[in-house]
Amino acid sequence: MPLTPEGRDFAAAAIGAEYNYLALFDGASELSGAGYARIQFTADAGATQDGVVSIPATGPFNVPSGANVTAFAIFNDPTATAAINRGGLENLSAPTGAYAADGEFNFTGGTITVTST
């Protein structure tokens, strides 16, 4: 059964409220080292429309040297890594390239989109 527009909006807002930790990935692995940690965010549930809720700009993240930030993911826990704890993963349109030294990354924003068929 396809969701109504209101159902998609409700689902997107609920996912944004539950999966509210942003993580950075280098390929298939989450970053680690150099003080890296997931950062909690607050999705803009009040602006949910057409099954889309915004993830705000978030950061800075500490990034270890050698890391190439290629993707971001949302989690429902600041440290848990089980599949149930990850709500989604999206590749960046432009990976950073390998950091020559420890540095910082600022996430400029994204969206959580609920679709239904």
N, C-alpha and C. Protein backbone atom coordinates (compact mmCIF):
# COMPACT_ATOMS: atom_id res chain seq x y z
N MET A 1 0.84 -1.17 0.00
CA MET A 1 0.00 0.00 0.00
C MET A 1 0.89 1.24 0.00
N PRO A 2 0.75 2.09 -0.97
CA PRO A 2 1.52 3.33 -0.98
C PRO A 2 1.07 4.27 0.14
N LEU A 3 2.02 4.99 0.69
CA LEU A 3 1.71 5.99 1.71
C LEU A 3 1.12 7.24 1.06
N THR A 4 0.27 7.89 1.80
CA THR A 4 -0.24 9.19 1.36
C THR A 4 0.87 10.22 1.55
N PRO A 5 0.74 11.40 0.96
CA PRO A 5 1.74 12.44 1.21
C PRO A 5 1.90 12.72 2.71
N GLU A 6 0.80 12.72 3.43
CA GLU A 6 0.86 12.95 4.88
C GLU A 6 1.58 11.82 5.59
N GLY A 7 1.37 10.60 5.13
CA GLY A 7 2.07 9.45 5.71
C GLY A 7 3.57 9.52 5.47
N ARG A 8 3.97 9.92 4.26
CA ARG A 8 5.40 10.08 3.95
C ARG A 8 6.01 11.18 4.82
N ASP A 9 5.27 12.29 4.99
CA ASP A 9 5.77 13.38 5.84
C ASP A 9 5.96 12.91 7.27
N PHE A 10 4.98 12.17 7.79
CA PHE A 10 5.07 11.66 9.16
C PHE A 10 6.27 10.73 9.30
N ALA A 11 6.43 9.83 8.34
CA ALA A 11 7.55 8.87 8.39
C ALA A 11 8.89 9.59 8.32
N ALA A 12 9.03 10.57 7.44
CA ALA A 12 10.29 11.31 7.32
C ALA A 12 10.61 12.04 8.62
N ALA A 13 9.61 12.68 9.22
CA ALA A 13 9.83 13.40 10.48
C ALA A 13 10.22 12.43 11.60
N ALA A 14 9.57 11.26 11.64
CA ALA A 14 9.88 10.27 12.68
C ALA A 14 11.30 9.72 12.50
N ILE A 15 11.69 9.45 11.28
CA ILE A 15 13.05 8.95 11.03
C ILE A 15 14.07 10.01 11.42
N GLY A 16 13.82 11.27 11.04
CA GLY A 16 14.73 12.36 11.39
C GLY A 16 14.86 12.55 12.89
N ALA A 17 13.78 12.29 13.63
CA ALA A 17 13.83 12.43 15.09
C ALA A 17 14.57 11.27 15.74
N GLU A 18 14.45 10.07 15.19
CA GLU A 18 15.07 8.88 15.77
C GLU A 18 16.53 8.70 15.35
N TYR A 19 16.81 8.90 14.08
CA TYR A 19 18.17 8.73 13.56
C TYR A 19 18.82 10.10 13.48
N ASN A 20 19.33 10.57 14.61
CA ASN A 20 19.78 11.96 14.71
C ASN A 20 21.27 12.12 15.03
N TYR A 21 22.06 11.16 14.61
CA TYR A 21 23.52 11.27 14.70
C TYR A 21 24.08 11.14 13.30
N LEU A 22 24.93 12.07 12.92
CA LEU A 22 25.54 12.07 11.59
C LEU A 22 26.94 11.48 11.69
N ALA A 23 27.27 10.62 10.74
CA ALA A 23 28.57 9.95 10.70
C ALA A 23 29.18 10.14 9.31
N LEU A 24 30.50 10.12 9.24
CA LEU A 24 31.22 10.24 7.98
C LEU A 24 31.90 8.92 7.64
N PHE A 25 31.96 8.62 6.35
CA PHE A 25 32.55 7.36 5.88
C PHE A 25 33.64 7.61 4.86
N ASP A 26 34.60 6.71 4.85
CA ASP A 26 35.64 6.62 3.83
C ASP A 26 35.42 5.26 3.18
N GLY A 27 34.78 5.25 2.04
CA GLY A 27 34.39 3.98 1.43
C GLY A 27 33.34 3.30 2.29
N ALA A 28 33.57 2.02 2.62
CA ALA A 28 32.61 1.26 3.41
C ALA A 28 32.82 1.39 4.91
N SER A 29 33.83 2.15 5.33
CA SER A 29 34.18 2.23 6.76
C SER A 29 33.94 3.61 7.32
N GLU A 30 33.37 3.64 8.53
CA GLU A 30 33.22 4.92 9.22
C GLU A 30 34.60 5.42 9.64
N LEU A 31 34.78 6.72 9.62
CA LEU A 31 36.05 7.30 10.04
C LEU A 31 36.34 6.93 11.49
N SER A 32 37.61 6.95 11.85
CA SER A 32 38.02 6.75 13.24
C SER A 32 39.38 7.41 13.43
N GLY A 33 39.68 7.75 14.67
CA GLY A 33 40.96 8.36 15.01
C GLY A 33 40.92 9.87 14.92
N ALA A 34 41.95 10.50 15.45
CA ALA A 34 42.13 11.96 15.42
C ALA A 34 40.98 12.72 16.07
N GLY A 35 40.32 12.09 17.04
CA GLY A 35 39.21 12.75 17.73
C GLY A 35 37.89 12.73 16.98
N TYR A 36 37.81 11.91 15.91
CA TYR A 36 36.55 11.80 15.16
C TYR A 36 35.45 11.26 16.05
N ALA A 37 34.25 11.81 15.93
CA ALA A 37 33.05 11.32 16.61
C ALA A 37 31.83 11.72 15.80
N ARG A 38 30.77 10.94 15.91
CA ARG A 38 29.50 11.31 15.30
C ARG A 38 29.00 12.59 15.97
N ILE A 39 28.22 13.36 15.23
CA ILE A 39 27.66 14.59 15.78
C ILE A 39 26.14 14.51 15.74
N GLN A 40 25.52 14.85 16.86
CA GLN A 40 24.07 14.85 16.94
C GLN A 40 23.52 16.08 16.21
N PHE A 41 22.39 15.89 15.54
CA PHE A 41 21.74 17.00 14.83
C PHE A 41 20.25 16.96 15.13
N THR A 42 19.58 18.05 14.80
CA THR A 42 18.12 18.13 14.92
C THR A 42 17.55 18.36 13.54
N ALA A 43 16.81 17.38 13.03
CA ALA A 43 16.17 17.52 11.73
C ALA A 43 15.05 18.54 11.83
N ASP A 44 14.78 19.24 10.74
CA ASP A 44 13.75 20.27 10.71
C ASP A 44 12.40 19.64 10.40
N ALA A 45 11.82 18.93 11.39
CA ALA A 45 10.57 18.20 11.19
C ALA A 45 9.41 19.14 10.84
N GLY A 46 9.46 20.38 11.29
CA GLY A 46 8.39 21.32 10.99
C GLY A 46 8.32 21.68 9.52
N ALA A 47 9.40 21.48 8.79
CA ALA A 47 9.44 21.82 7.37
C ALA A 47 9.33 20.58 6.48
N THR A 48 8.92 19.44 7.05
CA THR A 48 8.79 18.22 6.27
C THR A 48 7.73 18.40 5.18
N GLN A 49 8.11 18.09 3.94
CA GLN A 49 7.18 18.23 2.82
C GLN A 49 7.52 17.20 1.77
N ASP A 50 6.49 16.56 1.22
CA ASP A 50 6.67 15.56 0.18
C ASP A 50 7.57 14.41 0.63
N GLY A 51 7.52 14.05 1.92
CA GLY A 51 8.31 12.95 2.46
C GLY A 51 9.77 13.27 2.61
N VAL A 52 10.12 14.55 2.66
CA VAL A 52 11.52 14.97 2.78
C VAL A 52 11.69 15.83 4.01
N VAL A 53 12.69 15.51 4.84
CA VAL A 53 13.05 16.32 5.99
C VAL A 53 14.53 16.67 5.86
N SER A 54 14.88 17.88 6.24
CA SER A 54 16.25 18.36 6.07
C SER A 54 17.16 17.97 7.22
N ILE A 55 18.39 17.61 6.87
CA ILE A 55 19.47 17.46 7.84
C ILE A 55 20.26 18.76 7.76
N PRO A 56 20.39 19.48 8.86
CA PRO A 56 21.06 20.78 8.79
C PRO A 56 22.58 20.66 8.62
N ALA A 57 23.19 21.78 8.27
CA ALA A 57 24.65 21.84 8.26
C ALA A 57 25.13 21.43 9.65
N THR A 58 26.16 20.60 9.70
CA THR A 58 26.63 20.02 10.95
C THR A 58 28.16 19.95 10.92
N GLY A 59 28.78 20.26 12.04
CA GLY A 59 30.23 20.15 12.11
C GLY A 59 30.81 21.24 12.99
N PRO A 60 32.11 21.28 13.07
CA PRO A 60 33.05 20.49 12.27
C PRO A 60 33.29 19.11 12.86
N PHE A 61 33.54 18.16 11.97
CA PHE A 61 34.00 16.83 12.34
C PHE A 61 35.52 16.84 12.30
N ASN A 62 36.16 16.15 13.24
CA ASN A 62 37.60 15.91 13.16
C ASN A 62 37.83 14.76 12.17
N VAL A 63 38.77 14.95 11.26
CA VAL A 63 39.06 13.94 10.24
C VAL A 63 40.54 13.57 10.32
N PRO A 64 40.85 12.27 10.41
CA PRO A 64 42.26 11.86 10.49
C PRO A 64 42.96 11.97 9.15
N SER A 65 44.26 12.18 9.20
CA SER A 65 45.04 12.24 7.97
C SER A 65 44.88 10.94 7.19
N GLY A 66 44.88 11.06 5.88
CA GLY A 66 44.72 9.90 5.01
C GLY A 66 43.28 9.56 4.68
N ALA A 67 42.33 10.08 5.46
CA ALA A 67 40.92 9.78 5.22
C ALA A 67 40.42 10.55 4.00
N ASN A 68 39.53 9.92 3.26
CA ASN A 68 38.85 10.53 2.13
C ASN A 68 37.37 10.44 2.45
N VAL A 69 36.74 11.54 2.80
CA VAL A 69 35.31 11.53 3.16
C VAL A 69 34.52 11.32 1.88
N THR A 70 33.86 10.16 1.78
CA THR A 70 33.13 9.80 0.56
C THR A 70 31.62 9.71 0.76
N ALA A 71 31.17 9.58 2.03
CA ALA A 71 29.74 9.37 2.29
C ALA A 71 29.40 9.82 3.70
N PHE A 72 28.09 9.96 3.93
CA PHE A 72 27.60 10.24 5.28
C PHE A 72 26.46 9.28 5.57
N ALA A 73 26.21 9.06 6.86
CA ALA A 73 25.14 8.16 7.28
C ALA A 73 24.46 8.75 8.50
N ILE A 74 23.22 8.29 8.73
CA ILE A 74 22.50 8.67 9.95
C ILE A 74 22.37 7.44 10.84
N PHE A 75 22.56 7.66 12.13
CA PHE A 75 22.48 6.61 13.14
C PHE A 75 21.55 7.05 14.26
N ASN A 76 21.05 6.08 15.03
CA ASN A 76 20.21 6.38 16.18
C ASN A 76 20.97 6.27 17.50
N ASP A 77 22.28 6.22 17.43
CA ASP A 77 23.11 6.07 18.62
C ASP A 77 24.47 6.72 18.33
N PRO A 78 25.10 7.32 19.34
CA PRO A 78 26.38 7.99 19.08
C PRO A 78 27.54 7.05 18.79
N THR A 79 27.43 5.76 19.14
CA THR A 79 28.56 4.85 18.93
C THR A 79 28.19 3.49 18.37
N ALA A 80 26.94 3.03 18.48
CA ALA A 80 26.56 1.69 18.04
C ALA A 80 26.73 1.54 16.53
N THR A 81 27.13 0.35 16.10
CA THR A 81 27.41 0.11 14.68
C THR A 81 26.56 -0.98 14.05
N ALA A 82 25.64 -1.58 14.79
CA ALA A 82 24.80 -2.65 14.24
C ALA A 82 23.94 -2.10 13.10
N ALA A 83 23.58 -2.97 12.18
CA ALA A 83 22.79 -2.54 11.02
C ALA A 83 21.51 -1.83 11.44
N ILE A 84 20.88 -2.26 12.52
CA ILE A 84 19.63 -1.64 12.97
C ILE A 84 19.86 -0.20 13.44
N ASN A 85 21.07 0.14 13.80
CA ASN A 85 21.37 1.48 14.29
C ASN A 85 21.60 2.49 13.16
N ARG A 86 21.81 1.99 11.95
CA ARG A 86 22.05 2.90 10.81
C ARG A 86 20.78 3.05 10.00
N GLY A 87 20.34 4.29 9.84
CA GLY A 87 19.09 4.54 9.12
C GLY A 87 19.26 4.81 7.64
N GLY A 88 20.45 5.10 7.20
CA GLY A 88 20.68 5.37 5.79
C GLY A 88 22.10 5.82 5.54
N LEU A 89 22.54 5.69 4.30
CA LEU A 89 23.89 6.06 3.89
C LEU A 89 23.79 6.69 2.51
N GLU A 90 24.49 7.80 2.32
CA GLU A 90 24.47 8.51 1.03
C GLU A 90 25.89 8.91 0.64
N ASN A 91 26.26 8.66 -0.60
CA ASN A 91 27.56 9.09 -1.10
C ASN A 91 27.57 10.59 -1.31
N LEU A 92 28.69 11.22 -1.03
CA LEU A 92 28.85 12.64 -1.32
C LEU A 92 28.97 12.82 -2.83
N SER A 93 28.47 13.91 -3.34
CA SER A 93 28.60 14.17 -4.78
C SER A 93 30.05 14.48 -5.15
N ALA A 94 30.81 14.99 -4.19
CA ALA A 94 32.23 15.29 -4.43
C ALA A 94 33.04 14.86 -3.22
N PRO A 95 33.62 13.64 -3.22
CA PRO A 95 34.47 13.22 -2.10
C PRO A 95 35.60 14.23 -1.88
N THR A 96 36.10 14.25 -0.66
CA THR A 96 37.09 15.27 -0.28
C THR A 96 38.47 15.01 -0.85
N GLY A 97 38.80 13.77 -1.15
CA GLY A 97 40.19 13.42 -1.44
C GLY A 97 40.88 13.19 -0.11
N ALA A 98 41.99 12.52 -0.14
CA ALA A 98 42.69 12.16 1.10
C ALA A 98 43.22 13.41 1.80
N TYR A 99 42.97 13.48 3.09
CA TYR A 99 43.50 14.57 3.92
C TYR A 99 45.00 14.34 4.11
N ALA A 100 45.81 15.35 3.85
CA ALA A 100 47.26 15.25 4.00
C ALA A 100 47.66 15.25 5.47
N ALA A 101 46.84 15.86 6.32
CA ALA A 101 47.08 15.92 7.76
C ALA A 101 45.71 15.88 8.44
N ASP A 102 45.71 15.66 9.77
CA ASP A 102 44.45 15.73 10.49
C ASP A 102 43.78 17.07 10.17
N GLY A 103 42.47 17.05 10.01
CA GLY A 103 41.77 18.28 9.66
C GLY A 103 40.32 18.24 10.10
N GLU A 104 39.51 19.10 9.50
CA GLU A 104 38.09 19.21 9.84
C GLU A 104 37.25 19.13 8.58
N PHE A 105 36.01 18.66 8.77
CA PHE A 105 35.04 18.60 7.69
C PHE A 105 33.74 19.18 8.21
N ASN A 106 33.14 20.08 7.45
CA ASN A 106 31.83 20.64 7.78
C ASN A 106 30.80 20.10 6.80
N PHE A 107 29.81 19.42 7.33
CA PHE A 107 28.72 18.89 6.52
C PHE A 107 27.80 20.06 6.18
N THR A 108 27.49 20.25 4.90
CA THR A 108 26.73 21.43 4.49
C THR A 108 25.22 21.21 4.43
N GLY A 109 24.76 20.02 4.76
CA GLY A 109 23.32 19.74 4.80
C GLY A 109 22.93 18.64 3.85
N GLY A 110 21.78 18.06 4.10
CA GLY A 110 21.27 16.97 3.27
C GLY A 110 19.80 16.74 3.56
N THR A 111 19.28 15.65 3.09
CA THR A 111 17.87 15.34 3.31
C THR A 111 17.67 13.87 3.60
N ILE A 112 16.57 13.59 4.28
CA ILE A 112 16.06 12.24 4.47
C ILE A 112 14.78 12.19 3.65
N THR A 113 14.71 11.24 2.72
CA THR A 113 13.57 11.16 1.82
C THR A 113 12.87 9.83 1.98
N VAL A 114 11.56 9.86 2.21
CA VAL A 114 10.75 8.65 2.31
C VAL A 114 9.97 8.50 1.01
N THR A 115 10.12 7.33 0.38
CA THR A 115 9.36 7.02 -0.82
C THR A 115 8.47 5.83 -0.53
N SER A 116 7.46 5.65 -1.34
CA SER A 116 6.53 4.56 -1.11
C SER A 116 6.01 4.06 -2.46
N THR A 117 5.91 2.73 -2.57
CA THR A 117 5.38 2.15 -3.80
C THR A 117 4.23 1.23 -3.49
